[in-house]
Amino acid sequence: MFVKICGIRDLDTARVAVQAGADAIGFVHHPASPRHIEAAGIRAVLEGLDDQAVETVLVVRRLPVEQVLKVAHHSGVATVQFHGGESDEDLQRAVSEGFSVIRALSLTEYASSSPTSSISARLMLDAPEPGQGQLIDAEEFTTRPAEPWILAGGLTVENVRAQIRHLRPGGVDVSSGVESSRGVKDHAKIAAFVQNARG
C-alpha cells in the first residue's frame, strides 16, 4: 500500500513521516492554504533529509504551468501533483521536464471526464475541496479506475483501514487527518496512520 503524507512544512515532520515508512511526502505550494510552503523551504527540508529514499511531491492548484515548473525545479522535488483541471499539455510539460506526475480529481470530476491514458500520470481521487477533510462517499463511487489509484479526502487514523477495504485503492494520501490543529502535523498520528494503512 502506497502511503503519502501531505502538507509537510518542516524537517522534523518530514523525518517522522520517513521513519514511519511513508512512501512519499507532499509539500503544498498554495498561498491560501495553512500548509503553504515556498520553494526555498521545501529545498531546505529535502537537503536535511540526507537523500533518504522517499518520493517528494510538490502539490499545486490552479497555477500557471510555468510557475509550477519553476517552483518544482527550484525546490528539488521529484513529482508534481496537479489539482484544478490542468490540461494534458500542462501535465505533459511536467513529464517532459523530468517530473513524475499525479493528477488529482474530485470524484465528481472523475465521473464526468475521461482522463487520458497517453500521459504518464498517476490518478488521485479526492474530495470536492482538497485539504478540507471531506471523506469520499463510497456509495457514490460506482465506477472504479482500471489502473492503481490513490485515495485522498477525509482519511484519518481511525477510518483509513475501513476506507481501503471498501474502496480498494492502490495508495492513500492524508493531510488534515494527521493534524493536531489546522496545518500542524501530529507526529504520533503520522506513525499510526502509516501503520493502520498497511495493517
C-alpha atoms as a PDB file:
ATOM      1  CA  MET A   1       0.000   0.000   0.000  1.00  0.00           C
ATOM      2  CA  PHE A   2       1.469   3.327  -1.157  1.00  0.00           C
ATOM      3  CA  VAL A   3       1.221   5.937   1.621  1.00  0.00           C
ATOM      4  CA  LYS A   4       1.721   9.686   1.154  1.00  0.00           C
ATOM      5  CA  ILE A   5       1.807  12.197   3.994  1.00  0.00           C
ATOM      6  CA  CYS A   6       0.907  15.625   2.637  1.00  0.00           C
ATOM      7  CA  GLY A   7       1.209  19.162   3.962  1.00  0.00           C
ATOM      8  CA  ILE A   8       4.765  18.814   5.297  1.00  0.00           C
ATOM      9  CA  ARG A   9       6.260  22.146   6.355  1.00  0.00           C
ATOM     10  CA  ASP A  10       9.331  21.327   8.455  1.00  0.00           C
ATOM     11  CA  LEU A  11      12.237  18.916   8.628  1.00  0.00           C
ATOM     12  CA  ASP A  12      11.232  17.215  11.889  1.00  0.00           C
ATOM     13  CA  THR A  13       7.831  16.255  10.477  1.00  0.00           C
ATOM     14  CA  ALA A  14       9.394  15.042   7.242  1.00  0.00           C
ATOM     15  CA  ARG A  15      11.764  12.829   9.220  1.00  0.00           C
ATOM     16  CA  VAL A  16       8.889  11.416  11.259  1.00  0.00           C
ATOM     17  CA  ALA A  17       6.993  10.522   8.076  1.00  0.00           C
ATOM     18  CA  VAL A  18      10.046   8.865   6.528  1.00  0.00           C
ATOM     19  CA  GLN A  19      10.873   6.938   9.683  1.00  0.00           C
ATOM     20  CA  ALA A  20       7.254   5.786   9.943  1.00  0.00           C
ATOM     21  CA  GLY A  21       7.597   4.235   6.494  1.00  0.00           C
ATOM     22  CA  ALA A  22       5.760   6.710   4.270  1.00  0.00           C
ATOM     23  CA  ASP A  23       6.455   6.228   0.569  1.00  0.00           C
ATOM     24  CA  ALA A  24       6.002   9.907  -0.257  1.00  0.00           C
ATOM     25  CA  ILE A  25       5.809  13.306   1.411  1.00  0.00           C
ATOM     26  CA  GLY A  26       3.919  16.235  -0.083  1.00  0.00           C
ATOM     27  CA  PHE A  27       4.594  19.966   0.059  1.00  0.00           C
ATOM     28  CA  VAL A  28       1.682  22.316  -0.611  1.00  0.00           C
ATOM     29  CA  HIS A  29       2.552  25.389  -2.664  1.00  0.00           C
ATOM     30  CA  HIS A  30      -0.749  27.252  -2.489  1.00  0.00           C
ATOM     31  CA  PRO A  31      -0.752  30.593  -0.628  1.00  0.00           C
ATOM     32  CA  ALA A  32      -4.370  30.244   0.501  1.00  0.00           C
ATOM     33  CA  SER A  33      -3.567  27.030   2.377  1.00  0.00           C
ATOM     34  CA  PRO A  34      -2.411  26.912   6.012  1.00  0.00           C
ATOM     35  CA  ARG A  35       0.057  24.275   4.794  1.00  0.00           C
ATOM     36  CA  HIS A  36       1.678  26.552   2.197  1.00  0.00           C
ATOM     37  CA  ILE A  37       5.460  26.402   1.856  1.00  0.00           C
ATOM     38  CA  GLU A  38       7.777  28.267  -0.502  1.00  0.00           C
ATOM     39  CA  ALA A  39      10.300  26.591  -2.804  1.00  0.00           C
ATOM     40  CA  ALA A  40      13.257  27.561  -0.596  1.00  0.00           C
ATOM     41  CA  GLY A  41      11.586  25.986   2.425  1.00  0.00           C
ATOM     42  CA  ILE A  42      10.972  22.760   0.536  1.00  0.00           C
ATOM     43  CA  ARG A  43      14.588  22.636  -0.595  1.00  0.00           C
ATOM     44  CA  ALA A  44      15.798  23.134   2.976  1.00  0.00           C
ATOM     45  CA  VAL A  45      13.696  20.196   4.158  1.00  0.00           C
ATOM     46  CA  LEU A  46      14.918  17.952   1.342  1.00  0.00           C
ATOM     47  CA  GLU A  47      18.549  18.832   1.998  1.00  0.00           C
ATOM     48  CA  GLY A  48      18.050  17.976   5.668  1.00  0.00           C
ATOM     49  CA  LEU A  49      16.689  14.530   4.802  1.00  0.00           C
ATOM     50  CA  ASP A  50      20.114  13.451   3.525  1.00  0.00           C
ATOM     51  CA  ASP A  51      18.804  11.711   0.409  1.00  0.00           C
ATOM     52  CA  GLN A  52      16.573   9.263   2.260  1.00  0.00           C
ATOM     53  CA  ALA A  53      14.521   7.078  -0.054  1.00  0.00           C
ATOM     54  CA  VAL A  54      11.151   8.835  -0.162  1.00  0.00           C
ATOM     55  CA  GLU A  55       9.225  10.349  -3.054  1.00  0.00           C
ATOM     56  CA  THR A  56       8.978  14.135  -2.769  1.00  0.00           C
ATOM     57  CA  VAL A  57       5.854  15.776  -4.188  1.00  0.00           C
ATOM     58  CA  LEU A  58       5.016  19.395  -4.971  1.00  0.00           C
ATOM     59  CA  VAL A  59       1.262  19.925  -4.610  1.00  0.00           C
ATOM     60  CA  VAL A  60      -0.191  22.814  -6.617  1.00  0.00           C
ATOM     61  CA  ARG A  61      -3.617  24.093  -7.532  1.00  0.00           C
ATOM     62  CA  ARG A  62      -4.617  26.421 -10.377  1.00  0.00           C
ATOM     63  CA  LEU A  63      -1.176  27.875 -11.017  1.00  0.00           C
ATOM     64  CA  PRO A  64       0.290  28.605 -14.456  1.00  0.00           C
ATOM     65  CA  VAL A  65       2.426  25.673 -15.527  1.00  0.00           C
ATOM     66  CA  GLU A  66       5.468  27.935 -15.995  1.00  0.00           C
ATOM     67  CA  GLN A  67       5.257  28.931 -12.331  1.00  0.00           C
ATOM     68  CA  VAL A  68       4.710  25.333 -11.248  1.00  0.00           C
ATOM     69  CA  LEU A  69       7.789  24.109 -13.085  1.00  0.00           C
ATOM     70  CA  LYS A  70       9.909  26.969 -11.754  1.00  0.00           C
ATOM     71  CA  VAL A  71       8.960  26.075  -8.181  1.00  0.00           C
ATOM     72  CA  ALA A  72       9.428  22.352  -8.824  1.00  0.00           C
ATOM     73  CA  HIS A  73      12.922  22.829 -10.238  1.00  0.00           C
ATOM     74  CA  HIS A  74      13.974  25.248  -7.501  1.00  0.00           C
ATOM     75  CA  SER A  75      12.648  23.093  -4.670  1.00  0.00           C
ATOM     76  CA  GLY A  76      14.202  19.859  -5.916  1.00  0.00           C
ATOM     77  CA  VAL A  77      11.101  17.647  -5.776  1.00  0.00           C
ATOM     78  CA  ALA A  78      10.707  14.549  -7.926  1.00  0.00           C
ATOM     79  CA  THR A  79       6.947  14.699  -8.539  1.00  0.00           C
ATOM     80  CA  VAL A  80       4.289  17.325  -9.237  1.00  0.00           C
ATOM     81  CA  GLN A  81       0.711  16.769  -8.076  1.00  0.00           C
ATOM     82  CA  PHE A  82      -1.802  18.873 -10.009  1.00  0.00           C
ATOM     83  CA  HIS A  83      -5.206  19.888  -8.611  1.00  0.00           C
ATOM     84  CA  GLY A  84      -7.587  22.009 -10.610  1.00  0.00           C
ATOM     85  CA  GLY A  85      -8.230  20.624 -14.052  1.00  0.00           C
ATOM     86  CA  GLU A  86      -4.893  21.310 -15.717  1.00  0.00           C
ATOM     87  CA  SER A  87      -4.687  20.349 -19.370  1.00  0.00           C
ATOM     88  CA  ASP A  88      -2.965  17.297 -20.771  1.00  0.00           C
ATOM     89  CA  GLU A  89      -0.462  19.685 -22.333  1.00  0.00           C
ATOM     90  CA  ASP A  90       0.483  21.096 -18.915  1.00  0.00           C
ATOM     91  CA  LEU A  91       0.929  17.621 -17.470  1.00  0.00           C
ATOM     92  CA  GLN A  92       2.995  16.562 -20.464  1.00  0.00           C
ATOM     93  CA  ARG A  93       5.264  19.567 -19.998  1.00  0.00           C
ATOM     94  CA  ALA A  94       5.998  18.461 -16.452  1.00  0.00           C
ATOM     95  CA  VAL A  95       6.736  14.934 -17.640  1.00  0.00           C
ATOM     96  CA  SER A  96       8.969  16.276 -20.425  1.00  0.00           C
ATOM     97  CA  GLU A  97      10.972  18.251 -17.861  1.00  0.00           C
ATOM     98  CA  GLY A  98      11.702  15.122 -15.866  1.00  0.00           C
ATOM     99  CA  PHE A  99       8.999  15.084 -13.213  1.00  0.00           C
ATOM    100  CA  SER A 100       6.632  12.288 -12.287  1.00  0.00           C
ATOM    101  CA  VAL A 101       3.025  13.489 -12.281  1.00  0.00           C
ATOM    102  CA  ILE A 102      -0.024  12.850 -10.114  1.00  0.00           C
ATOM    103  CA  ARG A 103      -3.356  14.080 -11.478  1.00  0.00           C
ATOM    104  CA  ALA A 104      -5.798  14.748  -8.635  1.00  0.00           C
ATOM    105  CA  LEU A 105      -9.500  14.839  -9.450  1.00  0.00           C
ATOM    106  CA  SER A 106     -12.571  15.101  -7.283  1.00  0.00           C
ATOM    107  CA  LEU A 107     -14.967  12.191  -7.544  1.00  0.00           C
ATOM    108  CA  THR A 108     -17.323  14.495  -9.478  1.00  0.00           C
ATOM    109  CA  GLU A 109     -14.596  15.451 -11.965  1.00  0.00           C
ATOM    110  CA  TYR A 110     -13.591  11.826 -12.389  1.00  0.00           C
ATOM    111  CA  ALA A 111     -17.168  10.707 -13.037  1.00  0.00           C
ATOM    112  CA  SER A 112     -17.688  13.378 -15.713  1.00  0.00           C
ATOM    113  CA  SER A 113     -14.376  13.056 -17.535  1.00  0.00           C
ATOM    114  CA  SER A 114     -12.137  10.523 -19.208  1.00  0.00           C
ATOM    115  CA  PRO A 115      -8.561  11.165 -18.072  1.00  0.00           C
ATOM    116  CA  THR A 116      -6.205  10.497 -20.938  1.00  0.00           C
ATOM    117  CA  SER A 117      -4.080   7.358 -20.918  1.00  0.00           C
ATOM    118  CA  SER A 118      -1.445   8.993 -23.125  1.00  0.00           C
ATOM    119  CA  ILE A 119       0.007  10.991 -20.223  1.00  0.00           C
ATOM    120  CA  SER A 120       2.218   9.145 -17.765  1.00  0.00           C
ATOM    121  CA  ALA A 121       0.322  10.313 -14.677  1.00  0.00           C
ATOM    122  CA  ARG A 122      -0.973   8.535 -11.607  1.00  0.00           C
ATOM    123  CA  LEU A 123      -4.588   9.209 -10.667  1.00  0.00           C
ATOM    124  CA  MET A 124      -5.626  10.516  -7.264  1.00  0.00           C
ATOM    125  CA  LEU A 125      -9.301  10.765  -6.341  1.00  0.00           C
ATOM    126  CA  ASP A 126     -10.055  13.433  -3.774  1.00  0.00           C
ATOM    127  CA  ALA A 127     -12.993  15.149  -2.129  1.00  0.00           C
ATOM    128  CA  PRO A 128     -14.596  18.156  -3.886  1.00  0.00           C
ATOM    129  CA  GLU A 129     -12.490  20.623  -1.838  1.00  0.00           C
ATOM    130  CA  PRO A 130      -8.966  19.243  -1.307  1.00  0.00           C
ATOM    131  CA  GLY A 131      -7.490  19.801   2.133  1.00  0.00           C
ATOM    132  CA  GLN A 132     -10.868  20.266   3.846  1.00  0.00           C
ATOM    133  CA  GLY A 133     -11.004  16.822   5.467  1.00  0.00           C
ATOM    134  CA  GLN A 134     -14.013  15.604   3.486  1.00  0.00           C
ATOM    135  CA  LEU A 135     -14.443  11.860   3.045  1.00  0.00           C
ATOM    136  CA  ILE A 136     -15.314  10.365  -0.334  1.00  0.00           C
ATOM    137  CA  ASP A 137     -18.782   8.823  -0.223  1.00  0.00           C
ATOM    138  CA  ALA A 138     -18.323   5.138  -1.043  1.00  0.00           C
ATOM    139  CA  GLU A 139     -21.987   4.871  -2.079  1.00  0.00           C
ATOM    140  CA  GLU A 140     -21.386   7.345  -4.921  1.00  0.00           C
ATOM    141  CA  PHE A 141     -18.214   5.641  -6.107  1.00  0.00           C
ATOM    142  CA  THR A 142     -19.702   3.196  -8.579  1.00  0.00           C
ATOM    143  CA  THR A 143     -17.069   3.166 -11.333  1.00  0.00           C
ATOM    144  CA  ARG A 144     -13.610   2.229 -10.112  1.00  0.00           C
ATOM    145  CA  PRO A 145     -10.457   3.112 -12.084  1.00  0.00           C
ATOM    146  CA  ALA A 146      -8.909   0.239 -14.000  1.00  0.00           C
ATOM    147  CA  GLU A 147      -5.377   1.238 -13.015  1.00  0.00           C
ATOM    148  CA  PRO A 148      -3.994   1.510  -9.474  1.00  0.00           C
ATOM    149  CA  TRP A 149      -5.051   4.845  -7.959  1.00  0.00           C
ATOM    150  CA  ILE A 150      -4.558   6.904  -4.810  1.00  0.00           C
ATOM    151  CA  LEU A 151      -7.379   7.706  -2.378  1.00  0.00           C
ATOM    152  CA  ALA A 152      -7.468  11.106  -0.646  1.00  0.00           C
ATOM    153  CA  GLY A 153     -10.022  13.137   1.245  1.00  0.00           C
ATOM    154  CA  GLY A 154     -11.057  12.846   4.888  1.00  0.00           C
ATOM    155  CA  LEU A 155      -8.800   9.942   5.774  1.00  0.00           C
ATOM    156  CA  THR A 156      -7.811   9.574   9.430  1.00  0.00           C
ATOM    157  CA  VAL A 157      -6.028   7.115  11.689  1.00  0.00           C
ATOM    158  CA  GLU A 158      -9.441   5.739  12.638  1.00  0.00           C
ATOM    159  CA  ASN A 159     -11.042   5.294   9.213  1.00  0.00           C
ATOM    160  CA  VAL A 160      -8.206   4.577   6.775  1.00  0.00           C
ATOM    161  CA  ARG A 161      -8.354   0.806   7.159  1.00  0.00           C
ATOM    162  CA  ALA A 162     -12.104   0.680   6.509  1.00  0.00           C
ATOM    163  CA  GLN A 163     -11.830   3.019   3.508  1.00  0.00           C
ATOM    164  CA  ILE A 164      -9.112   0.843   1.991  1.00  0.00           C
ATOM    165  CA  ARG A 165     -11.287  -2.224   2.494  1.00  0.00           C
ATOM    166  CA  HIS A 166     -14.369  -0.582   0.927  1.00  0.00           C
ATOM    167  CA  LEU A 167     -12.723   1.267  -1.981  1.00  0.00           C
ATOM    168  CA  ARG A 168      -9.597  -0.841  -2.665  1.00  0.00           C
ATOM    169  CA  PRO A 169      -7.184   1.895  -3.784  1.00  0.00           C
ATOM    170  CA  GLY A 170      -3.548   1.231  -4.567  1.00  0.00           C
ATOM    171  CA  GLY A 171      -2.481   4.024  -2.244  1.00  0.00           C
ATOM    172  CA  VAL A 172      -3.684   6.610   0.270  1.00  0.00           C
ATOM    173  CA  ASP A 173      -2.908  10.273   0.878  1.00  0.00           C
ATOM    174  CA  VAL A 174      -3.502  12.149   4.133  1.00  0.00           C
ATOM    175  CA  SER A 175      -3.047  15.695   5.372  1.00  0.00           C
ATOM    176  CA  SER A 176      -5.645  17.107   7.776  1.00  0.00           C
ATOM    177  CA  GLY A 177      -6.298  13.624   9.194  1.00  0.00           C
ATOM    178  CA  VAL A 178      -2.889  13.591  10.889  1.00  0.00           C
ATOM    179  CA  GLU A 179      -3.009  17.098  12.337  1.00  0.00           C
ATOM    180  CA  SER A 180      -3.448  18.357  15.886  1.00  0.00           C
ATOM    181  CA  SER A 181      -4.753  21.678  14.540  1.00  0.00           C
ATOM    182  CA  ARG A 182      -5.199  23.099  11.061  1.00  0.00           C
ATOM    183  CA  GLY A 183      -1.817  22.961   9.320  1.00  0.00           C
ATOM    184  CA  VAL A 184       0.034  21.482  12.331  1.00  0.00           C
ATOM    185  CA  LYS A 185       1.048  17.850  11.983  1.00  0.00           C
ATOM    186  CA  ASP A 186       0.763  15.394  14.896  1.00  0.00           C
ATOM    187  CA  HIS A 187       3.789  13.105  14.777  1.00  0.00           C
ATOM    188  CA  ALA A 188       2.112  10.264  16.654  1.00  0.00           C
ATOM    189  CA  LYS A 189      -0.835  10.341  14.249  1.00  0.00           C
ATOM    190  CA  ILE A 190       1.505  10.146  11.250  1.00  0.00           C
ATOM    191  CA  ALA A 191       3.093   6.963  12.579  1.00  0.00           C
ATOM    192  CA  ALA A 192      -0.289   5.452  13.465  1.00  0.00           C
ATOM    193  CA  PHE A 193      -1.741   6.313  10.060  1.00  0.00           C
ATOM    194  CA  VAL A 194       1.049   4.571   8.181  1.00  0.00           C
ATOM    195  CA  GLN A 195       0.710   1.523  10.393  1.00  0.00           C
ATOM    196  CA  ASN A 196      -3.073   1.336  10.007  1.00  0.00           C
ATOM    197  CA  ALA A 197      -2.940   1.859   6.248  1.00  0.00           C
ATOM    198  CA  ARG A 198      -0.783  -1.216   5.965  1.00  0.00           C
ATOM    199  CA  GLY A 199      -2.448  -3.194   8.742  1.00  0.00           C
END
